Amino acid sequence: MRPILVFIIFIVTSCGQKKVKVLWDEYSKGKPKTIYYFDSEDDAKQPPVVNVKNGVGYANKPVSFDQESYYENGKLQSKGRFIKGQTCGLWQYFYESGVHQAKSYYLNGATRDTVYCWYPSGKLKRLLIEIDTINHRWNGFDYYENGNKSIEYHLLKDSLNNLTIDGTWKEWFDNGKEKFQATLKNNWTFGKWQQWDTTGNLQEGEKQINITF
């Protein structure tokens, strides 16, 4: 893709760093869709193409720049930074209303540290916490909009940045009562699992169940 309209504007950030602003894409005249802020004029003259793989953006050139994407109503959709073509640092995502949708941290194109997701109401929807950077293990917590926990789980990230369920998986009804509990390996239950209905009746089994994240 080539920019349909390019404005190169030198701006100075609050930290005194010079940036080169490039309007890469727009919905219509005066309605930007994607804006890049490059670290150098040379990079701005040959802007990269940004693609998405496994939910993570990457540029086809090893350049450093900030990216802002907008909805057609002018509201900010997402913003973050690429370093040498890879997503790095804090990335933020927003609903069309302007409410935060998600926030995550990256290092060299890989998700790191903590991921937050929210409902359109602003209530917390999901929290992923990196607990072991060497073995790429994460703890996850999903929530109902009323604030009660819906799922608690353990994740393992592979070399392709894919997450699989590995460890205990617990589910609750929105009233806080137990719903399901099992141990999983590579998204499959093994051993005995337990399941409760809305009245509290317990069912147990050992037949493998596939659960995907």
N, C-alpha and C. Protein backbone atom coordinates (compact mmCIF):
# COMPACT_ATOMS: atom_id res chain seq x y z
N MET A 1 0.85 -1.20 0.00
CA MET A 1 0.00 0.00 0.00
C MET A 1 0.87 1.24 0.00
N ARG A 2 0.47 2.23 -0.80
CA ARG A 2 1.18 3.51 -0.82
C ARG A 2 0.29 4.56 -0.19
N PRO A 3 0.86 5.55 0.46
CA PRO A 3 0.03 6.59 1.07
C PRO A 3 -0.76 7.34 0.01
N ILE A 4 -2.06 7.51 0.28
CA ILE A 4 -2.88 8.24 -0.69
C ILE A 4 -2.63 9.74 -0.59
N LEU A 5 -2.14 10.16 0.56
CA LEU A 5 -1.82 11.57 0.73
C LEU A 5 -0.76 11.67 1.81
N VAL A 6 0.34 12.30 1.51
CA VAL A 6 1.44 12.37 2.47
C VAL A 6 1.74 13.82 2.81
N PHE A 7 1.65 14.14 4.09
CA PHE A 7 2.11 15.42 4.60
C PHE A 7 3.32 15.15 5.47
N ILE A 8 4.43 15.76 5.17
CA ILE A 8 5.61 15.63 6.02
C ILE A 8 5.76 16.92 6.81
N ILE A 9 5.59 16.81 8.10
CA ILE A 9 5.62 17.98 8.98
C ILE A 9 6.59 17.71 10.11
N PHE A 10 7.49 18.63 10.34
CA PHE A 10 8.41 18.48 11.46
C PHE A 10 7.74 19.01 12.73
N ILE A 11 7.70 18.18 13.75
CA ILE A 11 7.13 18.61 15.02
C ILE A 11 8.14 18.31 16.12
N VAL A 12 7.98 18.96 17.24
CA VAL A 12 8.86 18.76 18.38
C VAL A 12 8.01 18.30 19.56
N THR A 13 8.36 17.17 20.15
CA THR A 13 7.61 16.64 21.27
C THR A 13 7.94 17.42 22.54
N SER A 14 7.20 17.09 23.61
CA SER A 14 7.43 17.75 24.89
C SER A 14 8.81 17.45 25.44
N CYS A 15 9.43 16.35 24.98
CA CYS A 15 10.78 15.99 25.44
C CYS A 15 11.85 16.63 24.57
N GLY A 16 11.45 17.42 23.58
CA GLY A 16 12.42 18.09 22.73
C GLY A 16 12.88 17.26 21.56
N GLN A 17 12.30 16.06 21.37
CA GLN A 17 12.71 15.19 20.27
C GLN A 17 11.96 15.57 19.00
N LYS A 18 12.68 15.68 17.89
CA LYS A 18 12.04 16.02 16.62
C LYS A 18 11.40 14.78 16.00
N LYS A 19 10.17 14.91 15.54
CA LYS A 19 9.46 13.84 14.86
C LYS A 19 9.02 14.33 13.49
N VAL A 20 8.86 13.40 12.56
CA VAL A 20 8.39 13.72 11.22
C VAL A 20 7.02 13.08 11.04
N LYS A 21 6.01 13.90 10.89
CA LYS A 21 4.63 13.42 10.80
C LYS A 21 4.27 13.12 9.35
N VAL A 22 3.73 11.91 9.12
CA VAL A 22 3.31 11.50 7.78
C VAL A 22 1.86 11.01 7.84
N LEU A 23 0.99 11.65 7.07
CA LEU A 23 -0.38 11.18 6.93
C LEU A 23 -0.38 10.03 5.92
N TRP A 24 -0.57 8.80 6.42
CA TRP A 24 -0.43 7.63 5.57
C TRP A 24 -1.73 7.26 4.86
N ASP A 25 -2.85 7.44 5.53
CA ASP A 25 -4.13 7.05 4.95
C ASP A 25 -5.23 7.92 5.56
N GLU A 26 -6.30 8.12 4.79
CA GLU A 26 -7.42 8.92 5.29
C GLU A 26 -8.73 8.39 4.74
N TYR A 27 -9.82 8.63 5.49
CA TYR A 27 -11.15 8.24 5.03
C TYR A 27 -11.61 9.15 3.89
N SER A 28 -11.45 10.42 4.10
CA SER A 28 -11.74 11.44 3.11
C SER A 28 -10.90 12.65 3.49
N LYS A 29 -10.90 13.65 2.66
CA LYS A 29 -10.05 14.81 2.91
C LYS A 29 -10.36 15.42 4.28
N GLY A 30 -9.32 15.53 5.08
CA GLY A 30 -9.48 16.10 6.42
C GLY A 30 -9.86 15.10 7.48
N LYS A 31 -10.03 13.81 7.10
CA LYS A 31 -10.37 12.77 8.07
C LYS A 31 -9.28 11.69 8.06
N PRO A 32 -8.25 11.84 8.87
CA PRO A 32 -7.14 10.87 8.86
C PRO A 32 -7.57 9.50 9.37
N LYS A 33 -6.97 8.48 8.79
CA LYS A 33 -7.19 7.10 9.22
C LYS A 33 -5.95 6.56 9.93
N THR A 34 -4.76 6.83 9.35
CA THR A 34 -3.50 6.38 9.94
C THR A 34 -2.45 7.48 9.81
N ILE A 35 -1.77 7.77 10.91
CA ILE A 35 -0.70 8.76 10.92
C ILE A 35 0.55 8.13 11.52
N TYR A 36 1.69 8.35 10.87
CA TYR A 36 2.97 7.90 11.38
C TYR A 36 3.78 9.11 11.86
N TYR A 37 4.57 8.90 12.91
CA TYR A 37 5.51 9.91 13.40
C TYR A 37 6.90 9.27 13.41
N PHE A 38 7.72 9.61 12.43
CA PHE A 38 9.02 8.98 12.26
C PHE A 38 10.11 9.70 13.05
N ASP A 39 11.14 8.93 13.39
CA ASP A 39 12.26 9.48 14.14
C ASP A 39 13.23 10.25 13.24
N SER A 40 13.17 10.01 11.92
CA SER A 40 14.09 10.70 11.02
C SER A 40 13.39 11.02 9.70
N GLU A 41 13.90 12.01 9.01
CA GLU A 41 13.35 12.40 7.71
C GLU A 41 13.60 11.31 6.67
N ASP A 42 14.73 10.63 6.74
CA ASP A 42 15.03 9.56 5.79
C ASP A 42 14.00 8.43 5.88
N ASP A 43 13.64 8.05 7.11
CA ASP A 43 12.63 6.99 7.29
C ASP A 43 11.28 7.45 6.76
N ALA A 44 10.95 8.73 6.96
CA ALA A 44 9.66 9.27 6.54
C ALA A 44 9.51 9.27 5.02
N LYS A 45 10.60 9.36 4.30
CA LYS A 45 10.53 9.41 2.85
C LYS A 45 10.24 8.04 2.24
N GLN A 46 10.48 6.98 3.00
CA GLN A 46 10.18 5.63 2.53
C GLN A 46 9.42 4.87 3.62
N PRO A 47 8.19 5.29 3.89
CA PRO A 47 7.43 4.68 4.99
C PRO A 47 7.14 3.20 4.73
N PRO A 48 7.11 2.39 5.79
CA PRO A 48 6.90 0.95 5.65
C PRO A 48 5.42 0.61 5.54
N VAL A 49 5.16 -0.64 5.21
CA VAL A 49 3.82 -1.21 5.27
C VAL A 49 3.70 -1.99 6.57
N VAL A 50 2.63 -1.76 7.31
CA VAL A 50 2.41 -2.46 8.58
C VAL A 50 1.44 -3.61 8.35
N ASN A 51 1.84 -4.82 8.74
CA ASN A 51 0.99 -6.00 8.64
C ASN A 51 0.73 -6.55 10.04
N VAL A 52 -0.21 -7.47 10.14
CA VAL A 52 -0.54 -8.08 11.42
C VAL A 52 -0.39 -9.59 11.32
N LYS A 53 0.32 -10.18 12.26
CA LYS A 53 0.49 -11.63 12.33
C LYS A 53 0.30 -12.08 13.77
N ASN A 54 -0.59 -13.06 13.97
CA ASN A 54 -0.90 -13.56 15.31
C ASN A 54 -1.33 -12.43 16.24
N GLY A 55 -2.05 -11.46 15.67
CA GLY A 55 -2.60 -10.38 16.47
C GLY A 55 -1.63 -9.27 16.80
N VAL A 56 -0.40 -9.34 16.28
CA VAL A 56 0.63 -8.34 16.59
C VAL A 56 1.09 -7.68 15.29
N GLY A 57 1.17 -6.36 15.27
CA GLY A 57 1.61 -5.64 14.09
C GLY A 57 3.12 -5.65 13.93
N TYR A 58 3.56 -5.62 12.69
CA TYR A 58 4.99 -5.50 12.40
C TYR A 58 5.15 -4.76 11.08
N ALA A 59 6.24 -4.03 10.94
CA ALA A 59 6.52 -3.28 9.73
C ALA A 59 7.46 -4.07 8.83
N ASN A 60 7.35 -3.83 7.52
CA ASN A 60 8.19 -4.57 6.58
C ASN A 60 9.56 -3.93 6.38
N LYS A 61 9.86 -2.89 7.15
CA LYS A 61 11.18 -2.25 7.11
C LYS A 61 11.64 -1.99 8.54
N PRO A 62 12.95 -2.09 8.81
CA PRO A 62 13.46 -1.91 10.18
C PRO A 62 13.59 -0.43 10.56
N VAL A 63 12.47 0.27 10.59
CA VAL A 63 12.48 1.69 10.94
C VAL A 63 11.71 1.89 12.25
N SER A 64 11.95 3.03 12.89
CA SER A 64 11.32 3.34 14.17
C SER A 64 10.34 4.50 14.00
N PHE A 65 9.13 4.31 14.53
CA PHE A 65 8.10 5.35 14.38
C PHE A 65 6.94 5.08 15.33
N ASP A 66 6.16 6.11 15.60
CA ASP A 66 4.91 5.99 16.34
C ASP A 66 3.76 5.91 15.35
N GLN A 67 2.71 5.19 15.72
CA GLN A 67 1.54 5.06 14.84
C GLN A 67 0.28 5.44 15.59
N GLU A 68 -0.58 6.19 14.95
CA GLU A 68 -1.90 6.50 15.47
C GLU A 68 -2.94 6.12 14.42
N SER A 69 -3.98 5.39 14.83
CA SER A 69 -5.09 5.03 13.94
C SER A 69 -6.36 5.66 14.49
N TYR A 70 -7.24 6.08 13.57
CA TYR A 70 -8.45 6.80 13.96
C TYR A 70 -9.70 6.16 13.36
N TYR A 71 -10.83 6.30 14.08
CA TYR A 71 -12.13 5.96 13.53
C TYR A 71 -12.56 7.08 12.59
N GLU A 72 -13.58 6.78 11.80
CA GLU A 72 -14.04 7.78 10.84
C GLU A 72 -14.65 9.00 11.52
N ASN A 73 -15.10 8.81 12.78
CA ASN A 73 -15.67 9.95 13.52
C ASN A 73 -14.59 10.83 14.14
N GLY A 74 -13.32 10.50 13.89
CA GLY A 74 -12.22 11.30 14.39
C GLY A 74 -11.66 10.85 15.73
N LYS A 75 -12.31 9.87 16.36
CA LYS A 75 -11.84 9.36 17.65
C LYS A 75 -10.62 8.45 17.44
N LEU A 76 -9.71 8.51 18.40
CA LEU A 76 -8.52 7.68 18.34
C LEU A 76 -8.88 6.21 18.52
N GLN A 77 -8.38 5.36 17.62
CA GLN A 77 -8.64 3.92 17.68
C GLN A 77 -7.50 3.16 18.36
N SER A 78 -6.26 3.53 18.04
CA SER A 78 -5.11 2.88 18.67
C SER A 78 -3.88 3.76 18.52
N LYS A 79 -2.91 3.53 19.39
CA LYS A 79 -1.63 4.23 19.26
C LYS A 79 -0.55 3.40 19.92
N GLY A 80 0.66 3.47 19.33
CA GLY A 80 1.78 2.72 19.87
C GLY A 80 3.03 2.99 19.06
N ARG A 81 4.06 2.24 19.35
CA ARG A 81 5.38 2.51 18.75
C ARG A 81 5.99 1.25 18.15
N PHE A 82 6.70 1.45 17.04
CA PHE A 82 7.54 0.42 16.43
C PHE A 82 9.00 0.82 16.59
N ILE A 83 9.83 -0.12 16.96
CA ILE A 83 11.28 0.10 17.00
C ILE A 83 11.93 -0.92 16.09
N LYS A 84 12.61 -0.42 15.07
CA LYS A 84 13.23 -1.27 14.06
C LYS A 84 12.22 -2.25 13.46
N GLY A 85 11.01 -1.74 13.25
CA GLY A 85 9.97 -2.52 12.58
C GLY A 85 9.14 -3.40 13.48
N GLN A 86 9.46 -3.48 14.78
CA GLN A 86 8.74 -4.35 15.68
C GLN A 86 7.98 -3.55 16.74
N THR A 87 6.81 -4.04 17.12
CA THR A 87 6.03 -3.37 18.16
C THR A 87 6.82 -3.38 19.46
N CYS A 88 6.85 -2.23 20.12
CA CYS A 88 7.59 -2.11 21.38
C CYS A 88 6.86 -1.13 22.30
N GLY A 89 7.04 -1.34 23.59
CA GLY A 89 6.48 -0.41 24.56
C GLY A 89 4.97 -0.53 24.70
N LEU A 90 4.35 0.53 25.16
CA LEU A 90 2.92 0.56 25.45
C LEU A 90 2.11 0.78 24.18
N TRP A 91 1.11 -0.08 23.97
CA TRP A 91 0.11 0.11 22.91
C TRP A 91 -1.25 0.21 23.57
N GLN A 92 -2.04 1.17 23.09
CA GLN A 92 -3.38 1.40 23.64
C GLN A 92 -4.42 1.34 22.53
N TYR A 93 -5.60 0.77 22.87
CA TYR A 93 -6.68 0.61 21.93
C TYR A 93 -7.96 1.17 22.55
N PHE A 94 -8.83 1.74 21.72
CA PHE A 94 -10.01 2.44 22.21
C PHE A 94 -11.25 2.04 21.43
N TYR A 95 -12.40 2.07 22.12
CA TYR A 95 -13.68 1.93 21.43
C TYR A 95 -13.99 3.24 20.70
N GLU A 96 -14.96 3.17 19.81
CA GLU A 96 -15.31 4.35 19.04
C GLU A 96 -15.85 5.47 19.92
N SER A 97 -16.31 5.10 21.11
CA SER A 97 -16.81 6.08 22.07
C SER A 97 -15.68 6.85 22.75
N GLY A 98 -14.45 6.33 22.63
CA GLY A 98 -13.31 6.93 23.31
C GLY A 98 -12.90 6.19 24.56
N VAL A 99 -13.72 5.22 24.99
CA VAL A 99 -13.40 4.42 26.18
C VAL A 99 -12.28 3.43 25.85
N HIS A 100 -11.39 3.21 26.80
CA HIS A 100 -10.30 2.25 26.62
C HIS A 100 -10.86 0.86 26.30
N GLN A 101 -10.30 0.20 25.28
CA GLN A 101 -10.66 -1.17 24.94
C GLN A 101 -9.60 -2.15 25.42
N ALA A 102 -8.33 -1.79 25.25
CA ALA A 102 -7.24 -2.67 25.67
C ALA A 102 -5.96 -1.87 25.83
N LYS A 103 -5.05 -2.43 26.61
CA LYS A 103 -3.73 -1.85 26.80
C LYS A 103 -2.75 -2.98 27.00
N SER A 104 -1.65 -2.96 26.24
CA SER A 104 -0.66 -4.04 26.35
C SER A 104 0.74 -3.51 26.12
N TYR A 105 1.70 -4.28 26.57
CA TYR A 105 3.11 -3.92 26.45
C TYR A 105 3.83 -4.94 25.57
N TYR A 106 4.78 -4.44 24.77
CA TYR A 106 5.50 -5.31 23.84
C TYR A 106 7.01 -5.09 23.96
N LEU A 107 7.75 -6.13 23.63
CA LEU A 107 9.20 -6.04 23.54
C LEU A 107 9.64 -6.86 22.33
N ASN A 108 10.23 -6.18 21.35
CA ASN A 108 10.69 -6.86 20.13
C ASN A 108 9.59 -7.69 19.48
N GLY A 109 8.39 -7.12 19.44
CA GLY A 109 7.28 -7.78 18.75
C GLY A 109 6.53 -8.81 19.55
N ALA A 110 6.88 -9.02 20.81
CA ALA A 110 6.22 -10.02 21.65
C ALA A 110 5.51 -9.34 22.81
N THR A 111 4.32 -9.83 23.14
CA THR A 111 3.58 -9.30 24.27
C THR A 111 4.32 -9.59 25.57
N ARG A 112 4.42 -8.59 26.43
CA ARG A 112 5.15 -8.75 27.69
C ARG A 112 4.39 -8.09 28.83
N ASP A 113 4.74 -8.47 30.04
CA ASP A 113 4.32 -7.81 31.27
C ASP A 113 2.84 -8.00 31.58
N THR A 114 1.97 -7.14 31.08
CA THR A 114 0.56 -7.16 31.45
C THR A 114 -0.31 -6.74 30.28
N VAL A 115 -1.47 -7.40 30.15
CA VAL A 115 -2.46 -7.02 29.14
C VAL A 115 -3.79 -6.73 29.86
N TYR A 116 -4.39 -5.58 29.55
CA TYR A 116 -5.68 -5.20 30.12
C TYR A 116 -6.71 -5.10 29.00
N CYS A 117 -7.93 -5.59 29.25
CA CYS A 117 -9.05 -5.41 28.32
C CYS A 117 -10.26 -4.94 29.11
N TRP A 118 -11.05 -4.04 28.50
CA TRP A 118 -12.22 -3.48 29.16
C TRP A 118 -13.47 -3.65 28.32
N TYR A 119 -14.63 -3.67 28.98
CA TYR A 119 -15.92 -3.60 28.30
C TYR A 119 -16.16 -2.17 27.81
N PRO A 120 -17.09 -1.97 26.88
CA PRO A 120 -17.42 -0.61 26.44
C PRO A 120 -17.87 0.30 27.59
N SER A 121 -18.32 -0.32 28.69
CA SER A 121 -18.74 0.45 29.86
C SER A 121 -17.56 0.98 30.66
N GLY A 122 -16.36 0.46 30.35
CA GLY A 122 -15.18 0.84 31.12
C GLY A 122 -14.84 -0.15 32.21
N LYS A 123 -15.68 -1.16 32.43
CA LYS A 123 -15.41 -2.18 33.45
C LYS A 123 -14.35 -3.16 32.93
N LEU A 124 -13.51 -3.66 33.83
CA LEU A 124 -12.44 -4.58 33.46
C LEU A 124 -13.03 -5.88 32.93
N LYS A 125 -12.53 -6.34 31.78
CA LYS A 125 -13.01 -7.56 31.13
C LYS A 125 -11.99 -8.69 31.23
N ARG A 126 -10.72 -8.38 31.04
CA ARG A 126 -9.67 -9.40 31.06
C ARG A 126 -8.36 -8.81 31.57
N LEU A 127 -7.61 -9.64 32.31
CA LEU A 127 -6.29 -9.25 32.80
C LEU A 127 -5.34 -10.42 32.60
N LEU A 128 -4.27 -10.19 31.85
CA LEU A 128 -3.23 -11.20 31.64
C LEU A 128 -1.94 -10.70 32.27
N ILE A 129 -1.32 -11.52 33.10
CA ILE A 129 -0.12 -11.11 33.82
C ILE A 129 0.99 -12.11 33.53
N GLU A 130 2.11 -11.60 33.03
CA GLU A 130 3.27 -12.45 32.76
C GLU A 130 3.96 -12.77 34.08
N ILE A 131 4.07 -14.06 34.41
CA ILE A 131 4.66 -14.45 35.69
C ILE A 131 6.03 -15.10 35.54
N ASP A 132 6.39 -15.49 34.31
CA ASP A 132 7.68 -16.13 34.07
C ASP A 132 8.15 -15.75 32.67
N THR A 133 9.08 -14.79 32.59
CA THR A 133 9.52 -14.30 31.28
C THR A 133 10.41 -15.31 30.56
N ILE A 134 11.09 -16.17 31.29
CA ILE A 134 11.98 -17.15 30.68
C ILE A 134 11.18 -18.28 30.04
N ASN A 135 10.22 -18.82 30.79
CA ASN A 135 9.42 -19.94 30.30
C ASN A 135 8.11 -19.50 29.66
N HIS A 136 7.91 -18.17 29.56
CA HIS A 136 6.76 -17.59 28.85
C HIS A 136 5.42 -18.05 29.42
N ARG A 137 5.30 -17.93 30.73
CA ARG A 137 4.06 -18.34 31.40
C ARG A 137 3.28 -17.10 31.87
N TRP A 138 1.95 -17.23 31.74
CA TRP A 138 1.04 -16.13 32.08
C TRP A 138 -0.10 -16.66 32.95
N ASN A 139 -0.61 -15.78 33.80
CA ASN A 139 -1.86 -16.03 34.51
C ASN A 139 -2.93 -15.14 33.91
N GLY A 140 -4.14 -15.70 33.73
CA GLY A 140 -5.22 -14.93 33.13
C GLY A 140 -6.46 -14.90 34.00
N PHE A 141 -7.18 -13.78 33.93
CA PHE A 141 -8.40 -13.60 34.70
C PHE A 141 -9.42 -12.89 33.81
N ASP A 142 -10.59 -13.51 33.60
CA ASP A 142 -11.68 -12.87 32.87
C ASP A 142 -12.78 -12.51 33.87
N TYR A 143 -13.49 -11.42 33.58
CA TYR A 143 -14.50 -10.91 34.51
C TYR A 143 -15.83 -10.64 33.80
N TYR A 144 -16.91 -10.88 34.52
CA TYR A 144 -18.22 -10.43 34.05
C TYR A 144 -18.29 -8.91 34.21
N GLU A 145 -19.24 -8.33 33.52
CA GLU A 145 -19.34 -6.87 33.60
C GLU A 145 -19.80 -6.41 34.98
N ASN A 146 -20.37 -7.33 35.76
CA ASN A 146 -20.77 -6.95 37.12
C ASN A 146 -19.60 -6.97 38.09
N GLY A 147 -18.41 -7.35 37.59
CA GLY A 147 -17.20 -7.34 38.42
C GLY A 147 -16.80 -8.69 38.96
N ASN A 148 -17.71 -9.68 38.91
CA ASN A 148 -17.37 -11.02 39.38
C ASN A 148 -16.45 -11.74 38.40
N LYS A 149 -15.59 -12.58 38.93
CA LYS A 149 -14.66 -13.33 38.09
C LYS A 149 -15.42 -14.40 37.31
N SER A 150 -15.12 -14.54 36.01
CA SER A 150 -15.76 -15.56 35.19
C SER A 150 -14.83 -16.74 34.93
N ILE A 151 -13.54 -16.48 34.68
CA ILE A 151 -12.58 -17.56 34.41
C ILE A 151 -11.22 -17.19 35.00
N GLU A 152 -10.53 -18.19 35.50
CA GLU A 152 -9.13 -18.05 35.93
C GLU A 152 -8.34 -19.17 35.27
N TYR A 153 -7.18 -18.84 34.69
CA TYR A 153 -6.47 -19.85 33.90
C TYR A 153 -4.98 -19.55 33.86
N HIS A 154 -4.22 -20.54 33.34
CA HIS A 154 -2.78 -20.42 33.19
C HIS A 154 -2.44 -20.65 31.72
N LEU A 155 -1.53 -19.83 31.18
CA LEU A 155 -1.21 -19.87 29.77
C LEU A 155 0.28 -20.07 29.54
N LEU A 156 0.59 -20.68 28.40
CA LEU A 156 1.97 -20.87 27.97
C LEU A 156 2.09 -20.32 26.55
N LYS A 157 3.08 -19.46 26.32
CA LYS A 157 3.26 -18.85 25.01
C LYS A 157 4.38 -19.58 24.27
N ASP A 158 4.09 -19.94 22.98
CA ASP A 158 5.10 -20.64 22.20
C ASP A 158 5.97 -19.66 21.42
N SER A 159 6.88 -20.19 20.60
CA SER A 159 7.83 -19.35 19.88
C SER A 159 7.16 -18.48 18.82
N LEU A 160 5.93 -18.81 18.44
CA LEU A 160 5.19 -18.03 17.45
C LEU A 160 4.27 -17.01 18.11
N ASN A 161 4.40 -16.84 19.42
CA ASN A 161 3.62 -15.86 20.17
C ASN A 161 2.17 -16.31 20.37
N ASN A 162 1.90 -17.61 20.18
CA ASN A 162 0.56 -18.15 20.41
C ASN A 162 0.43 -18.58 21.86
N LEU A 163 -0.75 -18.36 22.43
CA LEU A 163 -1.01 -18.75 23.81
C LEU A 163 -1.84 -20.03 23.85
N THR A 164 -1.41 -20.99 24.66
CA THR A 164 -2.17 -22.21 24.89
C THR A 164 -2.43 -22.35 26.38
N ILE A 165 -3.51 -23.03 26.71
CA ILE A 165 -3.88 -23.22 28.12
C ILE A 165 -3.05 -24.36 28.69
N ASP A 166 -2.40 -24.11 29.82
CA ASP A 166 -1.51 -25.10 30.41
C ASP A 166 -1.57 -24.95 31.92
N GLY A 167 -2.38 -25.78 32.57
CA GLY A 167 -2.53 -25.70 34.02
C GLY A 167 -4.00 -25.68 34.42
N THR A 168 -4.28 -25.14 35.58
CA THR A 168 -5.63 -25.12 36.11
C THR A 168 -6.52 -24.16 35.35
N TRP A 169 -7.75 -24.59 35.09
CA TRP A 169 -8.78 -23.76 34.45
C TRP A 169 -10.02 -23.79 35.35
N LYS A 170 -10.49 -22.63 35.78
CA LYS A 170 -11.66 -22.54 36.65
C LYS A 170 -12.66 -21.55 36.08
N GLU A 171 -13.95 -21.91 36.13
CA GLU A 171 -15.01 -21.03 35.66
C GLU A 171 -16.05 -20.84 36.77
N TRP A 172 -16.71 -19.67 36.74
CA TRP A 172 -17.77 -19.34 37.68
C TRP A 172 -18.97 -18.78 36.92
N PHE A 173 -20.16 -18.95 37.50
CA PHE A 173 -21.34 -18.26 37.00
C PHE A 173 -21.26 -16.79 37.39
N ASP A 174 -22.10 -15.95 36.80
CA ASP A 174 -22.01 -14.52 37.08
C ASP A 174 -22.43 -14.15 38.49
N ASN A 175 -23.04 -15.13 39.22
CA ASN A 175 -23.39 -14.88 40.63
C ASN A 175 -22.28 -15.30 41.58
N GLY A 176 -21.16 -15.79 41.02
CA GLY A 176 -20.01 -16.17 41.84
C GLY A 176 -19.93 -17.64 42.18
N LYS A 177 -20.94 -18.43 41.80
CA LYS A 177 -20.93 -19.86 42.11
C LYS A 177 -20.08 -20.63 41.11
N GLU A 178 -19.49 -21.74 41.57
CA GLU A 178 -18.61 -22.54 40.71
C GLU A 178 -19.36 -23.11 39.51
N LYS A 179 -18.69 -23.17 38.37
CA LYS A 179 -19.27 -23.68 37.13
C LYS A 179 -18.48 -24.84 36.55
N PHE A 180 -17.14 -24.73 36.51
CA PHE A 180 -16.32 -25.77 35.89
C PHE A 180 -14.90 -25.67 36.42
N GLN A 181 -14.24 -26.83 36.55
CA GLN A 181 -12.85 -26.84 36.99
C GLN A 181 -12.14 -28.03 36.38
N ALA A 182 -10.93 -27.79 35.85
CA ALA A 182 -10.16 -28.86 35.24
C ALA A 182 -8.69 -28.48 35.18
N THR A 183 -7.86 -29.46 34.86
CA THR A 183 -6.45 -29.22 34.55
C THR A 183 -6.26 -29.47 33.07
N LEU A 184 -5.57 -28.55 32.39
CA LEU A 184 -5.39 -28.66 30.95
C LEU A 184 -3.92 -28.72 30.56
N LYS A 185 -3.67 -29.36 29.43
CA LYS A 185 -2.35 -29.39 28.81
C LYS A 185 -2.54 -29.18 27.31
N ASN A 186 -1.97 -28.08 26.80
CA ASN A 186 -2.09 -27.78 25.38
C ASN A 186 -3.55 -27.73 24.93
N ASN A 187 -4.38 -27.05 25.74
CA ASN A 187 -5.79 -26.80 25.45
C ASN A 187 -6.71 -28.01 25.63
N TRP A 188 -6.21 -29.12 26.17
CA TRP A 188 -7.04 -30.31 26.40
C TRP A 188 -7.03 -30.66 27.89
N THR A 189 -8.21 -31.04 28.39
CA THR A 189 -8.28 -31.49 29.78
C THR A 189 -7.59 -32.85 29.90
N PHE A 190 -7.02 -33.09 31.06
CA PHE A 190 -6.55 -34.43 31.36
C PHE A 190 -6.82 -34.71 32.82
N GLY A 191 -7.13 -35.98 33.10
CA GLY A 191 -7.55 -36.32 34.45
C GLY A 191 -9.02 -35.95 34.66
N LYS A 192 -9.41 -35.90 35.91
CA LYS A 192 -10.82 -35.66 36.25
C LYS A 192 -11.16 -34.18 36.17
N TRP A 193 -12.32 -33.86 35.59
CA TRP A 193 -12.85 -32.50 35.59
C TRP A 193 -14.17 -32.48 36.34
N GLN A 194 -14.56 -31.30 36.79
CA GLN A 194 -15.80 -31.12 37.56
C GLN A 194 -16.63 -30.01 36.93
N GLN A 195 -17.95 -30.24 36.89
CA GLN A 195 -18.85 -29.24 36.31
C GLN A 195 -20.11 -29.15 37.17
N TRP A 196 -20.53 -27.90 37.43
CA TRP A 196 -21.72 -27.66 38.24
C TRP A 196 -22.79 -26.99 37.38
N ASP A 197 -24.05 -27.29 37.65
CA ASP A 197 -25.13 -26.57 37.00
C ASP A 197 -25.53 -25.39 37.86
N THR A 198 -26.53 -24.64 37.43
CA THR A 198 -26.91 -23.40 38.13
C THR A 198 -27.49 -23.67 39.51
N THR A 199 -27.93 -24.90 39.76
CA THR A 199 -28.48 -25.22 41.09
C THR A 199 -27.44 -25.81 42.02
N GLY A 200 -26.20 -26.01 41.52
CA GLY A 200 -25.13 -26.52 42.36
C GLY A 200 -24.90 -28.01 42.25
N ASN A 201 -25.64 -28.71 41.37
CA ASN A 201 -25.43 -30.15 41.18
C ASN A 201 -24.10 -30.39 40.47
N LEU A 202 -23.32 -31.35 40.97
CA LEU A 202 -21.98 -31.63 40.46
C LEU A 202 -21.99 -32.82 39.51
N GLN A 203 -21.29 -32.65 38.40
CA GLN A 203 -21.03 -33.73 37.46
C GLN A 203 -19.53 -33.85 37.27
N GLU A 204 -19.01 -35.08 37.29
CA GLU A 204 -17.58 -35.31 37.10
C GLU A 204 -17.35 -36.21 35.90
N GLY A 205 -16.19 -36.04 35.27
CA GLY A 205 -15.87 -36.88 34.13
C GLY A 205 -14.38 -36.86 33.85
N GLU A 206 -13.97 -37.76 32.95
CA GLU A 206 -12.57 -37.84 32.56
C GLU A 206 -12.37 -37.78 31.04
N LYS A 207 -13.47 -37.79 30.28
CA LYS A 207 -13.37 -37.69 28.83
C LYS A 207 -12.76 -36.33 28.48
N GLN A 208 -11.77 -36.33 27.60
CA GLN A 208 -11.06 -35.11 27.29
C GLN A 208 -11.96 -34.07 26.61
N ILE A 209 -11.76 -32.82 27.02
CA ILE A 209 -12.50 -31.70 26.46
C ILE A 209 -11.49 -30.69 25.94
N ASN A 210 -11.73 -30.18 24.75
CA ASN A 210 -10.87 -29.17 24.15
C ASN A 210 -11.38 -27.78 24.51
N ILE A 211 -10.52 -26.97 25.11
CA ILE A 211 -10.87 -25.59 25.46
C ILE A 211 -9.83 -24.69 24.83
N THR A 212 -10.26 -23.72 24.05
CA THR A 212 -9.32 -22.81 23.40
C THR A 212 -9.42 -21.43 23.99
N PHE A 213 -8.30 -20.73 24.00
CA PHE A 213 -8.23 -19.39 24.58
C PHE A 213 -8.51 -18.37 23.49
